Amino acid sequence: MAIENLGLEIRILSNLIYDKANKVTMSEENLSFHQASILQYLKENRDKEIVQKDIEHLFSIKRSTANQMLKSLEARQLIKRVTSPKDARKNILIITDEGLKTYDHLASHLHEVVVKLHGDLSEEELASFQKTLRKLWSNIE
């Protein structure tokens, strides 16, 4: 593979993964893969004060995009925003019980996508690939 094609090949792989995962989340719960990922992040970080800016940074998305996704999740009562007890100017994002049930339902289906993606790669190959990806992220930031 020529170094010039590295970004393109990463983009193609990213699109393929997103398309497969998005197909699952849309068919199972009518949520985008990004919305499901937000639910996962909120579930895994329930002990932290997560605000919209954290979502924007995590997914490298614009404020308007994050706001739109969060409003949709709020409308379906999968998340709620509550005022931070530490700073009244901030709204903390909290996954609701319904959001937890929804994500748990999706998790098993998304796991099938991950298993297919990993295929016959060994743990060492996956760890090496992840280490390389993190180096690439660090280099580009």
N, C-alpha and C. Protein backbone atom coordinates (compact mmCIF):
# COMPACT_ATOMS: atom_id res chain seq x y z
N MET A 1 0.84 -1.18 0.00
CA MET A 1 0.00 0.00 0.00
C MET A 1 0.88 1.24 0.00
N ALA A 2 0.61 2.12 -0.90
CA ALA A 2 1.35 3.38 -0.96
C ALA A 2 0.90 4.28 0.18
N ILE A 3 1.84 4.98 0.76
CA ILE A 3 1.54 5.87 1.88
C ILE A 3 0.50 6.92 1.50
N GLU A 4 0.46 7.31 0.24
CA GLU A 4 -0.50 8.32 -0.21
C GLU A 4 -1.94 7.83 -0.07
N ASN A 5 -2.14 6.53 -0.10
CA ASN A 5 -3.48 5.95 -0.03
C ASN A 5 -3.93 5.62 1.40
N LEU A 6 -3.06 5.82 2.39
CA LEU A 6 -3.37 5.43 3.76
C LEU A 6 -4.65 6.11 4.26
N GLY A 7 -4.75 7.42 4.10
CA GLY A 7 -5.93 8.15 4.55
C GLY A 7 -7.19 7.66 3.86
N LEU A 8 -7.10 7.44 2.56
CA LEU A 8 -8.24 6.96 1.80
C LEU A 8 -8.66 5.57 2.28
N GLU A 9 -7.71 4.70 2.49
CA GLU A 9 -8.04 3.34 2.93
C GLU A 9 -8.64 3.33 4.33
N ILE A 10 -8.15 4.20 5.20
CA ILE A 10 -8.74 4.31 6.54
C ILE A 10 -10.17 4.82 6.42
N ARG A 11 -10.38 5.80 5.56
CA ARG A 11 -11.72 6.36 5.35
C ARG A 11 -12.68 5.29 4.81
N ILE A 12 -12.23 4.50 3.86
CA ILE A 12 -13.07 3.44 3.30
C ILE A 12 -13.44 2.42 4.38
N LEU A 13 -12.45 2.01 5.18
CA LEU A 13 -12.72 1.07 6.26
C LEU A 13 -13.70 1.67 7.26
N SER A 14 -13.49 2.92 7.60
CA SER A 14 -14.38 3.61 8.53
C SER A 14 -15.81 3.63 7.99
N ASN A 15 -15.97 3.95 6.73
CA ASN A 15 -17.30 3.97 6.11
C ASN A 15 -17.96 2.60 6.13
N LEU A 16 -17.18 1.57 5.83
CA LEU A 16 -17.73 0.21 5.83
C LEU A 16 -18.19 -0.19 7.23
N ILE A 17 -17.38 0.11 8.23
CA ILE A 17 -17.75 -0.22 9.62
C ILE A 17 -19.00 0.55 10.01
N TYR A 18 -19.00 1.85 9.71
CA TYR A 18 -20.16 2.68 10.06
C TYR A 18 -21.42 2.17 9.38
N ASP A 19 -21.33 1.84 8.10
CA ASP A 19 -22.50 1.37 7.37
C ASP A 19 -23.07 0.09 7.97
N LYS A 20 -22.20 -0.86 8.30
CA LYS A 20 -22.67 -2.13 8.89
C LYS A 20 -23.32 -1.88 10.26
N ALA A 21 -22.63 -1.11 11.10
CA ALA A 21 -23.14 -0.84 12.44
C ALA A 21 -24.42 -0.01 12.38
N ASN A 22 -24.45 0.97 11.49
CA ASN A 22 -25.62 1.84 11.36
C ASN A 22 -26.84 1.04 10.90
N LYS A 23 -26.62 0.09 10.02
CA LYS A 23 -27.72 -0.76 9.55
C LYS A 23 -28.33 -1.52 10.73
N VAL A 24 -27.49 -2.00 11.62
CA VAL A 24 -27.96 -2.72 12.81
C VAL A 24 -28.74 -1.80 13.73
N THR A 25 -28.16 -0.64 14.07
CA THR A 25 -28.82 0.25 15.03
C THR A 25 -30.11 0.83 14.48
N MET A 26 -30.14 1.09 13.17
CA MET A 26 -31.37 1.62 12.57
C MET A 26 -32.46 0.55 12.53
N SER A 27 -32.10 -0.67 12.17
CA SER A 27 -33.13 -1.71 12.07
C SER A 27 -33.63 -2.16 13.45
N GLU A 28 -32.77 -2.14 14.45
CA GLU A 28 -33.16 -2.61 15.77
C GLU A 28 -33.87 -1.55 16.62
N GLU A 29 -33.37 -0.30 16.56
CA GLU A 29 -33.90 0.74 17.45
C GLU A 29 -34.17 2.08 16.77
N ASN A 30 -34.01 2.13 15.45
CA ASN A 30 -34.18 3.37 14.71
C ASN A 30 -33.30 4.50 15.27
N LEU A 31 -32.07 4.16 15.56
CA LEU A 31 -31.05 5.11 16.02
C LEU A 31 -29.87 5.04 15.08
N SER A 32 -29.20 6.17 14.89
CA SER A 32 -27.96 6.13 14.12
C SER A 32 -26.88 5.47 14.98
N PHE A 33 -25.85 5.00 14.34
CA PHE A 33 -24.74 4.40 15.07
C PHE A 33 -24.11 5.42 16.01
N HIS A 34 -24.03 6.69 15.58
CA HIS A 34 -23.49 7.73 16.46
C HIS A 34 -24.35 7.90 17.70
N GLN A 35 -25.65 7.89 17.54
CA GLN A 35 -26.54 8.01 18.69
C GLN A 35 -26.36 6.82 19.64
N ALA A 36 -26.24 5.63 19.09
CA ALA A 36 -26.00 4.44 19.91
C ALA A 36 -24.66 4.57 20.63
N SER A 37 -23.67 5.13 19.95
CA SER A 37 -22.35 5.32 20.56
C SER A 37 -22.41 6.33 21.70
N ILE A 38 -23.25 7.35 21.55
CA ILE A 38 -23.44 8.32 22.64
C ILE A 38 -24.04 7.62 23.85
N LEU A 39 -25.05 6.78 23.62
CA LEU A 39 -25.65 6.02 24.72
C LEU A 39 -24.60 5.16 25.41
N GLN A 40 -23.76 4.50 24.61
CA GLN A 40 -22.71 3.65 25.18
C GLN A 40 -21.76 4.49 26.03
N TYR A 41 -21.35 5.63 25.51
CA TYR A 41 -20.41 6.49 26.24
C TYR A 41 -21.03 6.99 27.55
N LEU A 42 -22.29 7.39 27.51
CA LEU A 42 -22.95 7.86 28.73
C LEU A 42 -23.12 6.73 29.74
N LYS A 43 -23.41 5.54 29.23
CA LYS A 43 -23.54 4.38 30.13
C LYS A 43 -22.20 4.07 30.81
N GLU A 44 -21.13 4.07 30.03
CA GLU A 44 -19.82 3.72 30.57
C GLU A 44 -19.22 4.81 31.45
N ASN A 45 -19.78 6.02 31.39
CA ASN A 45 -19.22 7.14 32.16
C ASN A 45 -20.27 7.77 33.07
N ARG A 46 -21.14 6.94 33.62
CA ARG A 46 -22.20 7.44 34.49
C ARG A 46 -21.67 8.12 35.74
N ASP A 47 -20.45 7.81 36.12
CA ASP A 47 -19.86 8.40 37.32
C ASP A 47 -19.22 9.77 37.06
N LYS A 48 -19.26 10.23 35.81
CA LYS A 48 -18.64 11.50 35.43
C LYS A 48 -19.71 12.49 34.97
N GLU A 49 -19.37 13.77 35.04
CA GLU A 49 -20.25 14.80 34.51
C GLU A 49 -19.92 15.00 33.03
N ILE A 50 -20.73 14.43 32.16
CA ILE A 50 -20.54 14.54 30.72
C ILE A 50 -21.45 15.67 30.21
N VAL A 51 -20.86 16.59 29.45
CA VAL A 51 -21.62 17.69 28.86
C VAL A 51 -21.52 17.60 27.34
N GLN A 52 -22.32 18.41 26.66
CA GLN A 52 -22.36 18.36 25.20
C GLN A 52 -20.98 18.55 24.59
N LYS A 53 -20.17 19.42 25.15
CA LYS A 53 -18.83 19.68 24.60
C LYS A 53 -17.98 18.40 24.60
N ASP A 54 -18.18 17.54 25.59
CA ASP A 54 -17.46 16.26 25.63
C ASP A 54 -17.84 15.39 24.44
N ILE A 55 -19.13 15.39 24.09
CA ILE A 55 -19.61 14.62 22.94
C ILE A 55 -19.03 15.19 21.65
N GLU A 56 -19.01 16.52 21.55
CA GLU A 56 -18.45 17.18 20.36
C GLU A 56 -17.00 16.77 20.17
N HIS A 57 -16.25 16.79 21.25
CA HIS A 57 -14.81 16.45 21.18
C HIS A 57 -14.62 14.96 20.88
N LEU A 58 -15.35 14.12 21.57
CA LEU A 58 -15.20 12.67 21.41
C LEU A 58 -15.44 12.23 19.97
N PHE A 59 -16.48 12.77 19.34
CA PHE A 59 -16.84 12.36 17.99
C PHE A 59 -16.31 13.30 16.91
N SER A 60 -15.59 14.32 17.32
CA SER A 60 -15.07 15.33 16.37
C SER A 60 -16.19 15.87 15.49
N ILE A 61 -17.24 16.32 16.15
CA ILE A 61 -18.39 16.85 15.42
C ILE A 61 -18.67 18.29 15.86
N LYS A 62 -19.41 18.99 15.01
CA LYS A 62 -19.76 20.38 15.28
C LYS A 62 -20.82 20.46 16.38
N ARG A 63 -20.88 21.61 16.99
CA ARG A 63 -21.85 21.85 18.05
C ARG A 63 -23.28 21.58 17.58
N SER A 64 -23.61 22.07 16.39
CA SER A 64 -24.97 21.91 15.86
C SER A 64 -25.32 20.44 15.63
N THR A 65 -24.35 19.66 15.17
CA THR A 65 -24.57 18.23 14.93
C THR A 65 -24.80 17.51 16.26
N ALA A 66 -23.96 17.81 17.23
CA ALA A 66 -24.11 17.19 18.56
C ALA A 66 -25.46 17.56 19.16
N ASN A 67 -25.81 18.83 19.05
CA ASN A 67 -27.07 19.29 19.62
C ASN A 67 -28.26 18.57 18.98
N GLN A 68 -28.21 18.40 17.67
CA GLN A 68 -29.29 17.71 16.96
C GLN A 68 -29.42 16.25 17.43
N MET A 69 -28.29 15.56 17.54
CA MET A 69 -28.33 14.16 17.98
C MET A 69 -28.85 14.05 19.41
N LEU A 70 -28.39 14.96 20.28
CA LEU A 70 -28.80 14.92 21.68
C LEU A 70 -30.29 15.26 21.83
N LYS A 71 -30.77 16.22 21.05
CA LYS A 71 -32.20 16.57 21.11
C LYS A 71 -33.06 15.37 20.70
N SER A 72 -32.61 14.64 19.69
CA SER A 72 -33.34 13.46 19.24
C SER A 72 -33.37 12.40 20.34
N LEU A 73 -32.24 12.19 21.01
CA LEU A 73 -32.19 11.21 22.10
C LEU A 73 -33.06 11.66 23.27
N GLU A 74 -33.08 12.97 23.53
CA GLU A 74 -33.93 13.51 24.59
C GLU A 74 -35.41 13.32 24.25
N ALA A 75 -35.77 13.59 23.00
CA ALA A 75 -37.17 13.47 22.57
C ALA A 75 -37.67 12.04 22.77
N ARG A 76 -36.78 11.08 22.61
CA ARG A 76 -37.16 9.67 22.80
C ARG A 76 -36.98 9.22 24.25
N GLN A 77 -36.60 10.17 25.11
CA GLN A 77 -36.41 9.94 26.55
C GLN A 77 -35.33 8.89 26.84
N LEU A 78 -34.30 8.88 25.98
CA LEU A 78 -33.17 7.97 26.19
C LEU A 78 -32.08 8.64 27.01
N ILE A 79 -32.06 9.97 26.97
CA ILE A 79 -31.14 10.75 27.80
C ILE A 79 -31.92 11.93 28.37
N LYS A 80 -31.33 12.57 29.37
CA LYS A 80 -31.89 13.83 29.87
C LYS A 80 -30.73 14.75 30.22
N ARG A 81 -31.03 16.03 30.22
CA ARG A 81 -30.04 17.05 30.61
C ARG A 81 -30.48 17.60 31.95
N VAL A 82 -29.54 17.63 32.88
CA VAL A 82 -29.81 18.21 34.19
C VAL A 82 -28.73 19.23 34.51
N THR A 83 -29.11 20.25 35.24
CA THR A 83 -28.17 21.30 35.60
C THR A 83 -27.11 20.74 36.55
N SER A 84 -25.86 21.07 36.27
CA SER A 84 -24.75 20.62 37.10
C SER A 84 -24.83 21.26 38.48
N PRO A 85 -24.69 20.45 39.53
CA PRO A 85 -24.68 21.04 40.88
C PRO A 85 -23.41 21.87 41.13
N LYS A 86 -22.38 21.64 40.32
CA LYS A 86 -21.11 22.36 40.48
C LYS A 86 -21.09 23.67 39.71
N ASP A 87 -21.83 23.71 38.58
CA ASP A 87 -21.81 24.89 37.72
C ASP A 87 -23.16 24.99 37.01
N ALA A 88 -23.98 25.93 37.45
CA ALA A 88 -25.35 26.06 36.94
C ALA A 88 -25.38 26.41 35.45
N ARG A 89 -24.26 26.80 34.87
CA ARG A 89 -24.22 27.11 33.44
C ARG A 89 -24.10 25.85 32.59
N LYS A 90 -23.81 24.73 33.21
CA LYS A 90 -23.61 23.48 32.47
C LYS A 90 -24.78 22.54 32.63
N ASN A 91 -25.12 21.85 31.55
CA ASN A 91 -26.12 20.80 31.58
C ASN A 91 -25.42 19.45 31.41
N ILE A 92 -25.60 18.60 32.39
CA ILE A 92 -25.00 17.27 32.37
C ILE A 92 -25.91 16.34 31.58
N LEU A 93 -25.30 15.48 30.77
CA LEU A 93 -26.05 14.49 30.01
C LEU A 93 -26.11 13.20 30.82
N ILE A 94 -27.31 12.68 31.00
CA ILE A 94 -27.50 11.46 31.78
C ILE A 94 -28.34 10.48 30.97
N ILE A 95 -27.88 9.26 30.91
CA ILE A 95 -28.65 8.21 30.23
C ILE A 95 -29.79 7.79 31.16
N THR A 96 -30.98 7.66 30.60
CA THR A 96 -32.15 7.26 31.39
C THR A 96 -32.22 5.73 31.46
N ASP A 97 -33.15 5.25 32.27
CA ASP A 97 -33.37 3.80 32.34
C ASP A 97 -33.77 3.25 30.97
N GLU A 98 -34.60 4.02 30.26
CA GLU A 98 -35.01 3.60 28.92
C GLU A 98 -33.80 3.57 27.98
N GLY A 99 -32.91 4.54 28.13
CA GLY A 99 -31.68 4.59 27.33
C GLY A 99 -30.79 3.39 27.62
N LEU A 100 -30.72 3.01 28.88
CA LEU A 100 -29.92 1.83 29.26
C LEU A 100 -30.50 0.57 28.62
N LYS A 101 -31.82 0.43 28.68
CA LYS A 101 -32.46 -0.75 28.07
C LYS A 101 -32.23 -0.78 26.57
N THR A 102 -32.37 0.38 25.96
CA THR A 102 -32.18 0.47 24.51
C THR A 102 -30.76 0.11 24.13
N TYR A 103 -29.77 0.67 24.84
CA TYR A 103 -28.39 0.36 24.51
C TYR A 103 -28.09 -1.12 24.76
N ASP A 104 -28.57 -1.65 25.87
CA ASP A 104 -28.31 -3.06 26.17
C ASP A 104 -28.87 -3.96 25.07
N HIS A 105 -30.03 -3.60 24.54
CA HIS A 105 -30.61 -4.37 23.44
C HIS A 105 -29.70 -4.30 22.20
N LEU A 106 -29.16 -3.11 21.93
CA LEU A 106 -28.30 -2.94 20.76
C LEU A 106 -26.93 -3.61 20.93
N ALA A 107 -26.44 -3.66 22.15
CA ALA A 107 -25.07 -4.12 22.40
C ALA A 107 -24.81 -5.51 21.84
N SER A 108 -25.74 -6.42 22.03
CA SER A 108 -25.51 -7.79 21.54
C SER A 108 -25.47 -7.82 20.02
N HIS A 109 -26.31 -7.01 19.38
CA HIS A 109 -26.32 -6.95 17.92
C HIS A 109 -25.05 -6.29 17.39
N LEU A 110 -24.59 -5.26 18.08
CA LEU A 110 -23.35 -4.59 17.65
C LEU A 110 -22.14 -5.49 17.88
N HIS A 111 -22.22 -6.32 18.90
CA HIS A 111 -21.12 -7.26 19.16
C HIS A 111 -20.91 -8.19 17.96
N GLU A 112 -21.98 -8.57 17.31
CA GLU A 112 -21.88 -9.42 16.13
C GLU A 112 -21.10 -8.72 15.01
N VAL A 113 -21.29 -7.41 14.88
CA VAL A 113 -20.55 -6.63 13.88
C VAL A 113 -19.06 -6.63 14.24
N VAL A 114 -18.76 -6.46 15.52
CA VAL A 114 -17.36 -6.44 15.97
C VAL A 114 -16.70 -7.79 15.73
N VAL A 115 -17.41 -8.87 16.03
CA VAL A 115 -16.87 -10.22 15.82
C VAL A 115 -16.56 -10.43 14.34
N LYS A 116 -17.48 -10.00 13.49
CA LYS A 116 -17.26 -10.13 12.05
C LYS A 116 -16.07 -9.29 11.60
N LEU A 117 -15.96 -8.08 12.11
CA LEU A 117 -14.86 -7.19 11.77
C LEU A 117 -13.51 -7.79 12.18
N HIS A 118 -13.45 -8.33 13.38
CA HIS A 118 -12.19 -8.91 13.87
C HIS A 118 -11.80 -10.16 13.10
N GLY A 119 -12.81 -10.87 12.62
CA GLY A 119 -12.54 -12.04 11.79
C GLY A 119 -11.49 -12.96 12.38
N ASP A 120 -10.47 -13.26 11.58
CA ASP A 120 -9.42 -14.19 12.03
C ASP A 120 -8.18 -13.46 12.54
N LEU A 121 -8.31 -12.16 12.86
CA LEU A 121 -7.17 -11.42 13.41
C LEU A 121 -6.88 -11.89 14.83
N SER A 122 -5.61 -12.04 15.14
CA SER A 122 -5.23 -12.45 16.49
C SER A 122 -5.31 -11.26 17.43
N GLU A 123 -5.28 -11.54 18.73
CA GLU A 123 -5.29 -10.47 19.74
C GLU A 123 -4.08 -9.55 19.54
N GLU A 124 -2.94 -10.15 19.19
CA GLU A 124 -1.72 -9.36 18.98
C GLU A 124 -1.87 -8.44 17.77
N GLU A 125 -2.46 -8.94 16.69
CA GLU A 125 -2.67 -8.11 15.50
C GLU A 125 -3.62 -6.95 15.81
N LEU A 126 -4.69 -7.24 16.55
CA LEU A 126 -5.64 -6.19 16.91
C LEU A 126 -4.99 -5.14 17.80
N ALA A 127 -4.21 -5.60 18.77
CA ALA A 127 -3.53 -4.66 19.68
C ALA A 127 -2.53 -3.80 18.92
N SER A 128 -1.80 -4.40 18.01
CA SER A 128 -0.83 -3.66 17.21
C SER A 128 -1.53 -2.63 16.32
N PHE A 129 -2.64 -3.03 15.72
CA PHE A 129 -3.40 -2.13 14.86
C PHE A 129 -3.94 -0.95 15.66
N GLN A 130 -4.48 -1.24 16.84
CA GLN A 130 -5.02 -0.18 17.68
C GLN A 130 -3.90 0.78 18.12
N LYS A 131 -2.75 0.24 18.44
CA LYS A 131 -1.61 1.08 18.83
C LYS A 131 -1.20 1.99 17.67
N THR A 132 -1.18 1.43 16.47
CA THR A 132 -0.83 2.21 15.27
C THR A 132 -1.86 3.30 15.02
N LEU A 133 -3.14 2.96 15.15
CA LEU A 133 -4.20 3.96 14.97
C LEU A 133 -4.03 5.11 15.95
N ARG A 134 -3.75 4.80 17.18
CA ARG A 134 -3.59 5.85 18.20
C ARG A 134 -2.39 6.74 17.89
N LYS A 135 -1.34 6.16 17.35
CA LYS A 135 -0.18 6.96 16.94
C LYS A 135 -0.56 7.89 15.79
N LEU A 136 -1.34 7.36 14.83
CA LEU A 136 -1.78 8.18 13.70
C LEU A 136 -2.66 9.33 14.18
N TRP A 137 -3.57 9.05 15.13
CA TRP A 137 -4.41 10.12 15.68
C TRP A 137 -3.54 11.19 16.31
N SER A 138 -2.58 10.73 17.11
CA SER A 138 -1.71 11.67 17.81
C SER A 138 -0.90 12.51 16.81
N ASN A 139 -0.43 11.87 15.76
CA ASN A 139 0.36 12.58 14.75
C ASN A 139 -0.44 13.67 14.05
N ILE A 140 -1.70 13.41 13.81
CA ILE A 140 -2.51 14.33 13.01
C ILE A 140 -3.09 15.46 13.84
N GLU A 141 -3.19 15.27 15.15
CA GLU A 141 -3.77 16.31 16.01
C GLU A 141 -2.85 17.44 16.22
